[in-house]
Amino acid sequence: MNKHSAGLFIAFEGGDGAGKSTQAARLAEALESRGLTVLRTREPGGTPIGEKLRSLVLDHGHGHIDAHTEALIFAASRAAHAGQVIRPALERGDIVLTDRYIDSSVAYQGAGRDLGMDAVRSLNEWATSGLQPHLTVLLDVEPEVGRTRRTAGDATEDRLESEADEFHARIREAFLDLAAARPASYLVLPARLPVNDLAAMILDRVFGLLESPANEPAGAAPAAGAHGGGTP
């Protein structure tokens, strides 16, 4: 299999506890075993400043963080991530796998925090100069299932994970609305499926992208307000 000459950008999205990190790791291993160069990264984070911002916005103990401040912190981290990490890797022809991207802010701050999906998307498209994934893998998880997975072994939840299930239900609905608006750009899978089955389905979809002519990153999504959660 030839390397995708223009680079390939894949985002893993879904609620907390969906298994995004596990599937990103499985996909990276499968692609690297075939001689492809893969960059795995995450949000918030991915850069030194991004990791500091991650701590500020997700760790407990920093006092109250209002919704607008939270959205701006995520956008600032993403701006550095897109400019310093993702774009250079794509220009090298690498495959970039990121655990979360713009859709997470649209779902968590736009719908979960009720800031408006359109407004949050516009902020993040500006922050990233419009950089969009070729494919978004959405692992759909029910809020109660996600919480059970997150707290297994007495694990401690971060600021967003510890929000009520109602908050996570709004996020789940927003993710599904985003995928329904642009089905060709998404692979939506039930997170409850066995890990090996999920990995095989994701790898099959990615192989299809690798075997097709090089694609430019997808353009900006249509307004989210028409699909629930956005501002009119």
Protein backbone atom coordinates (compact mmCIF):
# COMPACT_ATOMS: atom_id res chain seq x y z
CA MET A 1 0.00 0.00 0.00
CA ASN A 2 1.42 3.35 -1.03
CA LYS A 3 1.70 6.20 1.40
CA HIS A 4 -1.07 8.79 1.07
CA SER A 5 1.01 11.50 -0.59
CA ALA A 6 -0.91 14.49 0.76
CA GLY A 7 -1.16 13.23 4.33
CA LEU A 8 -4.29 11.96 6.02
CA PHE A 9 -6.01 13.56 9.01
CA ILE A 10 -8.32 11.41 11.16
CA ALA A 11 -10.08 12.60 14.31
CA PHE A 12 -11.53 10.30 16.96
CA GLU A 13 -14.58 11.76 18.69
CA GLY A 14 -17.19 10.64 21.20
CA GLY A 15 -18.21 11.00 24.80
CA ASP A 16 -15.88 10.33 27.70
CA GLY A 17 -15.35 6.60 28.10
CA ALA A 18 -16.07 5.78 24.46
CA GLY A 19 -12.68 4.14 23.88
CA LYS A 20 -11.17 6.73 21.53
CA SER A 21 -7.62 6.34 22.82
CA THR A 22 -7.78 2.56 22.54
CA GLN A 23 -8.97 2.67 18.94
CA ALA A 24 -6.48 5.36 17.94
CA ALA A 25 -3.68 3.20 19.33
CA ARG A 26 -4.96 0.11 17.52
CA LEU A 27 -5.20 1.99 14.22
CA ALA A 28 -1.72 3.48 14.61
CA GLU A 29 -0.25 0.04 15.28
CA ALA A 30 -1.97 -1.45 12.22
CA LEU A 31 -0.84 1.35 9.92
CA GLU A 32 2.73 1.42 11.21
CA SER A 33 2.98 -2.34 10.69
CA ARG A 34 2.42 -1.61 7.01
CA GLY A 35 5.28 0.88 6.86
CA LEU A 36 3.21 4.06 7.13
CA THR A 37 4.28 7.03 9.24
CA VAL A 38 1.69 7.84 11.88
CA LEU A 39 1.50 10.71 14.34
CA ARG A 40 -0.77 10.14 17.35
CA THR A 41 -1.77 13.20 19.31
CA ARG A 42 -4.56 14.46 21.55
CA GLU A 43 -6.60 17.45 22.58
CA PRO A 44 -6.44 19.47 24.61
CA GLY A 45 -2.69 19.11 24.46
CA GLY A 46 -0.33 18.00 21.74
CA THR A 47 2.08 20.89 22.33
CA PRO A 48 3.87 22.19 25.45
CA ILE A 49 1.46 25.11 25.80
CA GLY A 50 -1.45 22.83 25.00
CA GLU A 51 -0.53 20.46 27.81
CA LYS A 52 -0.43 23.36 30.28
CA LEU A 53 -3.82 24.52 29.07
CA ARG A 54 -5.11 20.94 29.40
CA SER A 55 -4.19 20.94 33.04
CA LEU A 56 -5.88 24.30 33.63
CA VAL A 57 -9.16 23.33 31.99
CA LEU A 58 -9.51 19.67 33.03
CA ASP A 59 -7.88 19.36 36.45
CA HIS A 60 -9.85 20.09 39.59
CA GLY A 61 -8.59 22.79 41.94
CA HIS A 62 -8.35 25.81 39.62
CA GLY A 63 -11.54 27.39 40.88
CA HIS A 64 -14.62 28.17 38.83
CA ILE A 65 -14.10 28.31 35.06
CA ASP A 66 -17.02 29.88 33.24
CA ALA A 67 -18.22 28.45 29.93
CA HIS A 68 -16.76 31.18 27.71
CA THR A 69 -13.35 30.92 29.34
CA GLU A 70 -13.48 27.15 28.96
CA ALA A 71 -14.29 27.44 25.24
CA LEU A 72 -11.48 29.92 24.66
CA ILE A 73 -8.92 27.75 26.47
CA PHE A 74 -9.81 24.79 24.27
CA ALA A 75 -9.62 26.97 21.14
CA ALA A 76 -6.22 28.36 22.15
CA SER A 77 -4.83 24.86 22.70
CA ARG A 78 -6.27 23.77 19.35
CA ALA A 79 -4.75 26.73 17.51
CA ALA A 80 -1.26 25.73 18.68
CA HIS A 81 -1.96 22.06 17.96
CA ALA A 82 -3.15 22.67 14.41
CA GLY A 83 -0.38 25.10 13.52
CA GLN A 84 2.58 23.47 15.25
CA VAL A 85 1.78 19.76 15.00
CA ILE A 86 -1.00 18.73 12.63
CA ARG A 87 -0.31 20.89 9.57
CA PRO A 88 3.45 20.18 9.49
CA ALA A 89 2.78 16.43 9.77
CA LEU A 90 0.25 16.52 6.93
CA GLU A 91 2.69 18.49 4.78
CA ARG A 92 5.22 15.69 5.33
CA GLY A 93 2.64 13.18 4.09
CA ASP A 94 2.10 11.60 7.52
CA ILE A 95 -1.12 10.12 8.84
CA VAL A 96 -2.33 12.16 11.81
CA LEU A 97 -4.62 10.56 14.40
CA THR A 98 -5.99 12.93 17.00
CA ASP A 99 -7.98 12.04 20.08
CA ARG A 100 -10.58 14.88 19.84
CA TYR A 101 -10.72 17.92 17.58
CA ILE A 102 -13.18 20.72 16.77
CA ASP A 103 -16.30 18.56 17.14
CA SER A 104 -15.52 18.10 20.82
CA SER A 105 -15.72 21.83 21.46
CA VAL A 106 -18.87 22.13 19.37
CA ALA A 107 -20.47 19.32 21.40
CA TYR A 108 -19.11 20.06 24.89
CA GLN A 109 -19.10 23.86 24.95
CA GLY A 110 -21.58 24.55 22.16
CA ALA A 111 -24.27 22.09 23.23
CA GLY A 112 -23.19 20.93 26.70
CA ARG A 113 -22.49 24.44 27.99
CA ASP A 114 -25.20 25.96 25.77
CA LEU A 115 -22.88 28.51 24.12
CA GLY A 116 -24.30 27.69 20.67
CA MET A 117 -22.86 25.14 18.29
CA ASP A 118 -22.49 27.63 15.43
CA ALA A 119 -20.62 30.15 17.58
CA VAL A 120 -18.18 27.59 18.96
CA ARG A 121 -17.56 26.08 15.54
CA SER A 122 -16.80 29.50 14.05
CA LEU A 123 -14.34 30.26 16.84
CA ASN A 124 -12.48 27.00 16.29
CA GLU A 125 -12.47 27.20 12.51
CA TRP A 126 -10.85 30.63 12.89
CA ALA A 127 -8.34 29.22 15.42
CA THR A 128 -7.32 26.41 13.04
CA SER A 129 -7.53 28.40 9.79
CA GLY A 130 -10.23 26.00 8.64
CA LEU A 131 -8.25 22.76 8.96
CA GLN A 132 -10.70 19.83 8.89
CA PRO A 133 -10.19 16.05 9.18
CA HIS A 134 -10.52 13.80 6.15
CA LEU A 135 -12.45 11.42 8.41
CA THR A 136 -14.01 11.65 11.84
CA VAL A 137 -14.50 8.37 13.70
CA LEU A 138 -17.37 8.85 16.14
CA LEU A 139 -17.61 6.22 18.86
CA ASP A 140 -21.13 6.57 20.20
CA VAL A 141 -21.48 5.81 23.91
CA GLU A 142 -24.45 6.15 26.26
CA PRO A 143 -23.67 8.51 29.19
CA GLU A 144 -24.24 5.84 31.85
CA VAL A 145 -22.00 3.38 30.02
CA GLY A 146 -19.29 5.98 29.64
CA ARG A 147 -19.38 6.78 33.35
CA THR A 148 -19.12 3.10 34.28
CA ARG A 149 -16.07 2.74 32.07
CA ARG A 150 -14.45 5.95 33.35
CA THR A 151 -14.81 5.06 37.01
CA ALA A 152 -13.71 1.43 36.71
CA GLY A 153 -10.99 0.70 39.24
CA ASP A 154 -11.87 3.82 41.26
CA ALA A 155 -10.43 6.12 38.58
CA THR A 156 -10.91 9.84 39.23
CA GLU A 157 -12.97 11.83 36.73
CA ASP A 158 -11.75 15.20 35.47
CA ARG A 159 -13.82 18.41 35.48
CA LEU A 160 -15.83 17.58 32.38
CA GLU A 161 -16.12 13.86 33.01
CA SER A 162 -17.63 14.54 36.44
CA GLU A 163 -20.53 16.56 35.01
CA ALA A 164 -24.01 15.03 35.35
CA ASP A 165 -25.30 12.46 32.88
CA GLU A 166 -27.71 15.08 31.50
CA PHE A 167 -24.71 17.12 30.35
CA HIS A 168 -23.20 14.08 28.65
CA ALA A 169 -26.55 13.25 27.03
CA ARG A 170 -26.60 16.68 25.35
CA ILE A 171 -23.07 16.05 24.13
CA ARG A 172 -23.98 12.65 22.71
CA GLU A 173 -26.92 14.15 20.80
CA ALA A 174 -24.71 16.94 19.43
CA PHE A 175 -22.10 14.48 18.15
CA LEU A 176 -24.78 12.46 16.39
CA ASP A 177 -26.25 15.62 14.85
CA LEU A 178 -22.83 16.63 13.52
CA ALA A 179 -22.33 13.23 11.94
CA ALA A 180 -25.83 13.19 10.43
CA ALA A 181 -25.16 16.56 8.76
CA ARG A 182 -22.06 15.26 6.92
CA PRO A 183 -22.34 11.45 6.75
CA ALA A 184 -19.64 11.04 4.07
CA SER A 185 -17.04 12.53 6.43
CA TYR A 186 -17.91 10.34 9.43
CA LEU A 187 -17.71 6.74 10.52
CA VAL A 188 -20.21 6.30 13.36
CA LEU A 189 -19.83 3.13 15.41
CA PRO A 190 -21.45 1.91 18.65
CA ALA A 191 -18.76 2.02 21.34
CA ARG A 192 -20.31 -1.06 22.97
CA LEU A 193 -19.04 -3.33 20.17
CA PRO A 194 -16.00 -5.53 20.92
CA VAL A 195 -12.68 -3.71 20.64
CA ASN A 196 -11.42 -5.99 17.86
CA ASP A 197 -14.57 -5.52 15.80
CA LEU A 198 -14.35 -1.74 16.09
CA ALA A 199 -10.67 -1.78 15.14
CA ALA A 200 -11.37 -3.87 12.04
CA MET A 201 -14.16 -1.58 10.83
CA ILE A 202 -12.07 1.54 11.37
CA LEU A 203 -9.08 0.04 9.58
CA ASP A 204 -11.26 -0.96 6.64
CA ARG A 205 -12.57 2.61 6.25
CA VAL A 206 -9.08 4.08 6.51
CA PHE A 207 -7.74 1.65 3.90
CA GLY A 208 -10.43 2.97 1.56
CA LEU A 209 -9.14 6.50 2.07
CA LEU A 210 -5.53 5.46 1.57
CA GLU A 211 -6.33 3.70 -1.68
CA SER A 212 -8.22 6.68 -3.10
CA PRO A 213 -6.59 9.68 -4.79
CA ALA A 214 -5.08 12.18 -2.35
CA ASN A 215 -7.75 14.39 -0.84
CA GLU A 216 -7.63 17.92 0.40
CA PRO A 217 -8.79 18.27 4.01
CA ALA A 218 -12.55 18.60 4.16
CA GLY A 219 -14.02 22.07 4.02
CA ALA A 220 -15.93 23.78 6.77
CA ALA A 221 -19.09 22.05 7.90
CA PRO A 222 -22.50 23.57 7.29
CA ALA A 223 -24.13 25.52 10.08
CA ALA A 224 -24.78 23.31 13.06
CA GLY A 225 -27.84 25.21 14.21
CA ALA A 226 -30.02 23.40 11.68
CA HIS A 227 -29.26 20.10 13.37
CA GLY A 228 -29.99 20.87 16.98
CA GLY A 229 -28.16 22.78 19.72
CA GLY A 230 -26.96 25.73 17.64
CA THR A 231 -28.06 29.30 17.80
CA PRO A 232 -30.58 30.40 15.16
